[in-house]
Amino acid sequence: MQEPGPSHRVESGVDSGFECVLRAWQAHEAELLGFLAHHASDADAAQDLLQEVFLKALRQGRGFCSLDNPRAWLFQVARNALVDAGRMRRPSVELSEEIPAPPADERAPVEALDACIARNLPLLGDEDRDIVQRCDLDGQTVRGYADATGLSLPAAKARLLRARKRLRDTLVERCGVRFDPDGSVCCHAGQDGA
């Protein structure tokens, strides 16, 4: 039995997505390579990035066939690959082995707030508690929350901002949370003030 190759369709006759990617790739590969070569550090890096873009397109499968503008999608993926590559090239400094590692049981102050948040989240109003729980703790997007509750996106963003402020004020008051100059949690008492 012959393995399906680039010129074979899936036996059911349905486009597997490979043909869509291949058509778009043939139409835009040279243009993509020129774009990447212009922005990448060297020709080899451009070729590597081009292969990354191709693989990401292949991973889309049939979803690639439903794109309104495959060229725009390919260029967006290429731009993202360039940004990622630029981040990887940033200089790094080797840390000395003399720096002690933090104890394994020590957690960052913000991570240690989970018990305090669990105790104080019920003290918020229903709307505040609901949006903080769903967006910040359960990972729902603000847009998803807005759609689910019938709010406009700006209204949902404003509600989340107000709820976060009220939760922050509660954590400062009841758990002794303090912030460093950057606004990050630096420490907290971890005990209810009441």
C-alpha atoms as a PDB file:
ATOM      1  CA  MET A   1       0.000   0.000   0.000  1.00  0.00           C
ATOM      2  CA  GLN A   2       1.390   3.367  -0.990  1.00  0.00           C
ATOM      3  CA  GLU A   3       1.822   6.055   1.667  1.00  0.00           C
ATOM      4  CA  PRO A   4      -0.080   9.283   0.955  1.00  0.00           C
ATOM      5  CA  GLY A   5       2.265  11.929  -0.382  1.00  0.00           C
ATOM      6  CA  PRO A   6       1.908  15.594  -1.228  1.00  0.00           C
ATOM      7  CA  SER A   7       0.036  14.852  -4.436  1.00  0.00           C
ATOM      8  CA  HIS A   8      -2.462  12.419  -2.837  1.00  0.00           C
ATOM      9  CA  ARG A   9      -5.777  13.392  -1.321  1.00  0.00           C
ATOM     10  CA  VAL A  10      -7.165  11.757   1.779  1.00  0.00           C
ATOM     11  CA  GLU A  11      -9.144   8.695   0.649  1.00  0.00           C
ATOM     12  CA  SER A  12     -12.465  10.225   1.684  1.00  0.00           C
ATOM     13  CA  GLY A  13     -11.848  13.018  -0.820  1.00  0.00           C
ATOM     14  CA  VAL A  14     -11.845  15.649   1.922  1.00  0.00           C
ATOM     15  CA  ASP A  15      -8.981  18.114   1.882  1.00  0.00           C
ATOM     16  CA  SER A  16      -6.803  17.270   4.895  1.00  0.00           C
ATOM     17  CA  GLY A  17      -5.444  20.788   5.031  1.00  0.00           C
ATOM     18  CA  PHE A  18      -2.123  19.776   3.523  1.00  0.00           C
ATOM     19  CA  GLU A  19      -3.233  20.821   0.031  1.00  0.00           C
ATOM     20  CA  CYS A  20      -4.388  24.225   1.319  1.00  0.00           C
ATOM     21  CA  VAL A  21      -1.070  24.790   3.066  1.00  0.00           C
ATOM     22  CA  LEU A  22       0.859  23.596   0.038  1.00  0.00           C
ATOM     23  CA  ARG A  23      -1.021  25.937  -2.340  1.00  0.00           C
ATOM     24  CA  ALA A  24      -0.538  28.929  -0.033  1.00  0.00           C
ATOM     25  CA  TRP A  25       3.073  27.985   0.569  1.00  0.00           C
ATOM     26  CA  GLN A  26       3.859  27.761  -3.128  1.00  0.00           C
ATOM     27  CA  ALA A  27       2.233  31.143  -3.677  1.00  0.00           C
ATOM     28  CA  HIS A  28       3.983  32.963  -0.804  1.00  0.00           C
ATOM     29  CA  GLU A  29       7.185  31.096   0.135  1.00  0.00           C
ATOM     30  CA  ALA A  30       9.556  33.359  -1.791  1.00  0.00           C
ATOM     31  CA  GLU A  31       7.910  36.498  -0.427  1.00  0.00           C
ATOM     32  CA  LEU A  32       8.040  35.111   3.136  1.00  0.00           C
ATOM     33  CA  LEU A  33      11.698  34.197   2.775  1.00  0.00           C
ATOM     34  CA  GLY A  34      12.498  37.701   1.519  1.00  0.00           C
ATOM     35  CA  PHE A  35      10.665  39.212   4.484  1.00  0.00           C
ATOM     36  CA  LEU A  36      12.441  36.941   6.972  1.00  0.00           C
ATOM     37  CA  ALA A  37      15.855  37.416   5.323  1.00  0.00           C
ATOM     38  CA  HIS A  38      15.424  41.197   5.569  1.00  0.00           C
ATOM     39  CA  HIS A  39      14.622  41.059   9.291  1.00  0.00           C
ATOM     40  CA  ALA A  40      16.555  38.014  10.554  1.00  0.00           C
ATOM     41  CA  SER A  41      20.126  38.071  11.787  1.00  0.00           C
ATOM     42  CA  ASP A  42      21.428  35.977   8.859  1.00  0.00           C
ATOM     43  CA  ALA A  43      20.324  33.782   5.944  1.00  0.00           C
ATOM     44  CA  ASP A  44      20.439  30.570   7.992  1.00  0.00           C
ATOM     45  CA  ALA A  45      18.235  32.101  10.671  1.00  0.00           C
ATOM     46  CA  ALA A  46      15.769  33.191   7.971  1.00  0.00           C
ATOM     47  CA  GLN A  47      15.631  29.637   6.596  1.00  0.00           C
ATOM     48  CA  ASP A  48      15.062  28.223  10.090  1.00  0.00           C
ATOM     49  CA  LEU A  49      12.257  30.699  10.726  1.00  0.00           C
ATOM     50  CA  LEU A  50      10.717  29.901   7.355  1.00  0.00           C
ATOM     51  CA  GLN A  51      10.584  26.230   8.329  1.00  0.00           C
ATOM     52  CA  GLU A  52       8.938  27.147  11.646  1.00  0.00           C
ATOM     53  CA  VAL A  53       6.244  29.073   9.777  1.00  0.00           C
ATOM     54  CA  PHE A  54       5.641  26.115   7.455  1.00  0.00           C
ATOM     55  CA  LEU A  55       5.331  23.690  10.377  1.00  0.00           C
ATOM     56  CA  LYS A  56       2.878  25.975  12.178  1.00  0.00           C
ATOM     57  CA  ALA A  57       0.801  26.171   9.013  1.00  0.00           C
ATOM     58  CA  LEU A  58       0.789  22.380   8.745  1.00  0.00           C
ATOM     59  CA  ARG A  59      -0.308  22.058  12.365  1.00  0.00           C
ATOM     60  CA  GLN A  60      -3.409  24.079  11.535  1.00  0.00           C
ATOM     61  CA  GLY A  61      -4.673  21.148   9.444  1.00  0.00           C
ATOM     62  CA  ARG A  62      -8.108  21.792   7.935  1.00  0.00           C
ATOM     63  CA  GLY A  63      -8.329  25.015   9.930  1.00  0.00           C
ATOM     64  CA  PHE A  64      -5.838  26.522   7.498  1.00  0.00           C
ATOM     65  CA  CYS A  65      -8.335  25.965   4.662  1.00  0.00           C
ATOM     66  CA  SER A  66     -10.909  28.158   6.401  1.00  0.00           C
ATOM     67  CA  LEU A  67      -8.623  31.183   6.724  1.00  0.00           C
ATOM     68  CA  ASP A  68      -9.929  34.259   4.943  1.00  0.00           C
ATOM     69  CA  ASN A  69      -6.427  35.453   4.093  1.00  0.00           C
ATOM     70  CA  PRO A  70      -3.745  32.729   4.276  1.00  0.00           C
ATOM     71  CA  ARG A  71      -1.039  35.194   3.182  1.00  0.00           C
ATOM     72  CA  ALA A  72      -1.799  37.539   6.085  1.00  0.00           C
ATOM     73  CA  TRP A  73      -1.827  34.588   8.496  1.00  0.00           C
ATOM     74  CA  LEU A  74       1.551  33.358   7.229  1.00  0.00           C
ATOM     75  CA  PHE A  75       3.085  36.812   7.576  1.00  0.00           C
ATOM     76  CA  GLN A  76       1.669  37.215  11.099  1.00  0.00           C
ATOM     77  CA  VAL A  77       3.214  33.890  12.094  1.00  0.00           C
ATOM     78  CA  ALA A  78       6.501  34.989  10.473  1.00  0.00           C
ATOM     79  CA  ARG A  79       6.449  38.283  12.428  1.00  0.00           C
ATOM     80  CA  ASN A  80       5.786  36.379  15.662  1.00  0.00           C
ATOM     81  CA  ALA A  81       8.654  33.985  14.880  1.00  0.00           C
ATOM     82  CA  LEU A  82      10.981  36.959  14.359  1.00  0.00           C
ATOM     83  CA  VAL A  83       9.944  38.477  17.688  1.00  0.00           C
ATOM     84  CA  ASP A  84      10.476  35.153  19.471  1.00  0.00           C
ATOM     85  CA  ALA A  85      13.881  34.729  17.830  1.00  0.00           C
ATOM     86  CA  GLY A  86      14.839  38.254  18.894  1.00  0.00           C
ATOM     87  CA  ARG A  87      13.926  37.453  22.483  1.00  0.00           C
ATOM     88  CA  MET A  88      16.086  34.346  22.374  1.00  0.00           C
ATOM     89  CA  ARG A  89      19.097  36.380  21.164  1.00  0.00           C
ATOM     90  CA  ARG A  90      19.021  38.727  24.133  1.00  0.00           C
ATOM     91  CA  PRO A  91      22.251  38.550  26.066  1.00  0.00           C
ATOM     92  CA  SER A  92      22.132  36.537  29.240  1.00  0.00           C
ATOM     93  CA  VAL A  93      24.443  36.490  32.200  1.00  0.00           C
ATOM     94  CA  GLU A  94      25.666  33.251  33.717  1.00  0.00           C
ATOM     95  CA  LEU A  95      24.717  33.122  37.396  1.00  0.00           C
ATOM     96  CA  SER A  96      27.370  32.288  39.916  1.00  0.00           C
ATOM     97  CA  GLU A  97      27.045  28.905  41.583  1.00  0.00           C
ATOM     98  CA  GLU A  98      27.602  30.692  44.901  1.00  0.00           C
ATOM     99  CA  ILE A  99      24.122  32.205  44.837  1.00  0.00           C
ATOM    100  CA  PRO A 100      22.056  30.105  47.201  1.00  0.00           C
ATOM    101  CA  ALA A 101      18.905  28.557  45.794  1.00  0.00           C
ATOM    102  CA  PRO A 102      15.707  29.443  47.618  1.00  0.00           C
ATOM    103  CA  PRO A 103      14.421  26.708  49.886  1.00  0.00           C
ATOM    104  CA  ALA A 104      12.239  24.231  48.024  1.00  0.00           C
ATOM    105  CA  ASP A 105       9.266  24.914  50.279  1.00  0.00           C
ATOM    106  CA  GLU A 106       9.502  28.716  49.925  1.00  0.00           C
ATOM    107  CA  ARG A 107       6.918  30.251  47.622  1.00  0.00           C
ATOM    108  CA  ALA A 108       6.896  33.696  46.065  1.00  0.00           C
ATOM    109  CA  PRO A 109       4.822  36.124  48.167  1.00  0.00           C
ATOM    110  CA  VAL A 110       2.134  36.465  45.510  1.00  0.00           C
ATOM    111  CA  GLU A 111       1.815  32.664  45.254  1.00  0.00           C
ATOM    112  CA  ALA A 112       1.417  32.397  49.016  1.00  0.00           C
ATOM    113  CA  LEU A 113      -1.659  34.635  48.851  1.00  0.00           C
ATOM    114  CA  ASP A 114      -3.923  31.783  47.747  1.00  0.00           C
ATOM    115  CA  ALA A 115      -5.192  31.021  51.275  1.00  0.00           C
ATOM    116  CA  CYS A 116      -5.774  34.709  51.983  1.00  0.00           C
ATOM    117  CA  ILE A 117      -7.682  35.132  48.713  1.00  0.00           C
ATOM    118  CA  ALA A 118      -9.797  32.044  49.443  1.00  0.00           C
ATOM    119  CA  ARG A 119     -10.727  33.470  52.869  1.00  0.00           C
ATOM    120  CA  ASN A 120     -11.497  36.956  51.606  1.00  0.00           C
ATOM    121  CA  LEU A 121     -13.088  36.407  48.188  1.00  0.00           C
ATOM    122  CA  PRO A 122     -16.454  35.558  49.806  1.00  0.00           C
ATOM    123  CA  LEU A 123     -16.407  38.993  51.474  1.00  0.00           C
ATOM    124  CA  LEU A 124     -16.731  40.728  48.089  1.00  0.00           C
ATOM    125  CA  GLY A 125     -20.092  41.528  46.541  1.00  0.00           C
ATOM    126  CA  ASP A 126     -21.640  38.943  44.210  1.00  0.00           C
ATOM    127  CA  GLU A 127     -20.614  40.719  40.963  1.00  0.00           C
ATOM    128  CA  ASP A 128     -17.048  41.331  42.175  1.00  0.00           C
ATOM    129  CA  ARG A 129     -16.632  37.776  43.430  1.00  0.00           C
ATOM    130  CA  ASP A 130     -18.068  36.317  40.203  1.00  0.00           C
ATOM    131  CA  ILE A 131     -15.833  38.249  37.801  1.00  0.00           C
ATOM    132  CA  VAL A 132     -12.658  37.745  39.860  1.00  0.00           C
ATOM    133  CA  GLN A 133     -13.377  34.038  40.216  1.00  0.00           C
ATOM    134  CA  ARG A 134     -14.148  33.514  36.541  1.00  0.00           C
ATOM    135  CA  CYS A 135     -11.541  35.796  34.928  1.00  0.00           C
ATOM    136  CA  ASP A 136      -8.614  35.762  37.357  1.00  0.00           C
ATOM    137  CA  LEU A 137      -8.886  32.369  39.021  1.00  0.00           C
ATOM    138  CA  ASP A 138     -10.648  30.191  36.437  1.00  0.00           C
ATOM    139  CA  GLY A 139      -8.910  31.755  33.416  1.00  0.00           C
ATOM    140  CA  GLN A 140     -11.953  32.909  31.447  1.00  0.00           C
ATOM    141  CA  THR A 141     -11.215  35.799  29.101  1.00  0.00           C
ATOM    142  CA  VAL A 142     -12.847  39.143  29.766  1.00  0.00           C
ATOM    143  CA  ARG A 143     -14.469  38.905  26.328  1.00  0.00           C
ATOM    144  CA  GLY A 144     -15.847  35.471  27.234  1.00  0.00           C
ATOM    145  CA  TYR A 145     -17.174  36.857  30.511  1.00  0.00           C
ATOM    146  CA  ALA A 146     -18.763  39.797  28.707  1.00  0.00           C
ATOM    147  CA  ASP A 147     -20.465  37.489  26.205  1.00  0.00           C
ATOM    148  CA  ALA A 148     -21.689  35.136  28.929  1.00  0.00           C
ATOM    149  CA  THR A 149     -23.143  37.927  31.061  1.00  0.00           C
ATOM    150  CA  GLY A 150     -24.492  40.178  28.306  1.00  0.00           C
ATOM    151  CA  LEU A 151     -22.109  43.017  29.113  1.00  0.00           C
ATOM    152  CA  SER A 152     -20.191  45.048  26.584  1.00  0.00           C
ATOM    153  CA  LEU A 153     -16.446  44.409  26.586  1.00  0.00           C
ATOM    154  CA  PRO A 154     -15.627  47.876  28.028  1.00  0.00           C
ATOM    155  CA  ALA A 155     -18.215  47.359  30.796  1.00  0.00           C
ATOM    156  CA  ALA A 156     -16.738  43.958  31.667  1.00  0.00           C
ATOM    157  CA  LYS A 157     -13.206  45.419  31.736  1.00  0.00           C
ATOM    158  CA  ALA A 158     -14.347  48.244  34.017  1.00  0.00           C
ATOM    159  CA  ARG A 159     -16.141  45.782  36.307  1.00  0.00           C
ATOM    160  CA  LEU A 160     -13.038  43.593  36.549  1.00  0.00           C
ATOM    161  CA  LEU A 161     -10.830  46.596  37.303  1.00  0.00           C
ATOM    162  CA  ARG A 162     -13.160  47.751  40.108  1.00  0.00           C
ATOM    163  CA  ALA A 163     -13.436  44.213  41.533  1.00  0.00           C
ATOM    164  CA  ARG A 164      -9.656  43.788  41.539  1.00  0.00           C
ATOM    165  CA  LYS A 165      -9.261  47.117  43.357  1.00  0.00           C
ATOM    166  CA  ARG A 166     -11.777  46.092  46.016  1.00  0.00           C
ATOM    167  CA  LEU A 167     -10.088  42.699  46.432  1.00  0.00           C
ATOM    168  CA  ARG A 168      -6.681  44.385  46.684  1.00  0.00           C
ATOM    169  CA  ASP A 169      -7.996  46.767  49.369  1.00  0.00           C
ATOM    170  CA  THR A 170      -9.450  43.800  51.285  1.00  0.00           C
ATOM    171  CA  LEU A 171      -6.153  41.885  51.083  1.00  0.00           C
ATOM    172  CA  VAL A 172      -4.205  44.920  52.298  1.00  0.00           C
ATOM    173  CA  GLU A 173      -6.576  45.386  55.232  1.00  0.00           C
ATOM    174  CA  ARG A 174      -7.158  41.767  56.257  1.00  0.00           C
ATOM    175  CA  CYS A 175      -3.895  40.038  55.262  1.00  0.00           C
ATOM    176  CA  GLY A 176      -1.358  42.826  55.661  1.00  0.00           C
ATOM    177  CA  VAL A 177      -0.340  42.671  51.990  1.00  0.00           C
ATOM    178  CA  ARG A 178       2.409  45.134  51.078  1.00  0.00           C
ATOM    179  CA  PHE A 179       3.764  46.080  47.674  1.00  0.00           C
ATOM    180  CA  ASP A 180       7.233  46.926  46.417  1.00  0.00           C
ATOM    181  CA  PRO A 181       7.862  50.124  44.400  1.00  0.00           C
ATOM    182  CA  ASP A 182       6.970  48.265  41.173  1.00  0.00           C
ATOM    183  CA  GLY A 183       3.532  47.394  42.538  1.00  0.00           C
ATOM    184  CA  SER A 184       4.303  43.690  42.969  1.00  0.00           C
ATOM    185  CA  VAL A 185       3.378  41.863  46.145  1.00  0.00           C
ATOM    186  CA  CYS A 186       6.479  41.805  48.335  1.00  0.00           C
ATOM    187  CA  CYS A 187       5.094  40.318  51.520  1.00  0.00           C
ATOM    188  CA  HIS A 188       2.043  39.784  53.672  1.00  0.00           C
ATOM    189  CA  ALA A 189       1.125  38.675  57.163  1.00  0.00           C
ATOM    190  CA  GLY A 190      -1.059  35.868  55.821  1.00  0.00           C
ATOM    191  CA  GLN A 191      -3.441  36.213  58.778  1.00  0.00           C
ATOM    192  CA  ASP A 192      -6.855  37.824  58.863  1.00  0.00           C
ATOM    193  CA  GLY A 193      -6.747  41.177  60.560  1.00  0.00           C
ATOM    194  CA  ALA A 194     -10.144  40.514  62.134  1.00  0.00           C
END
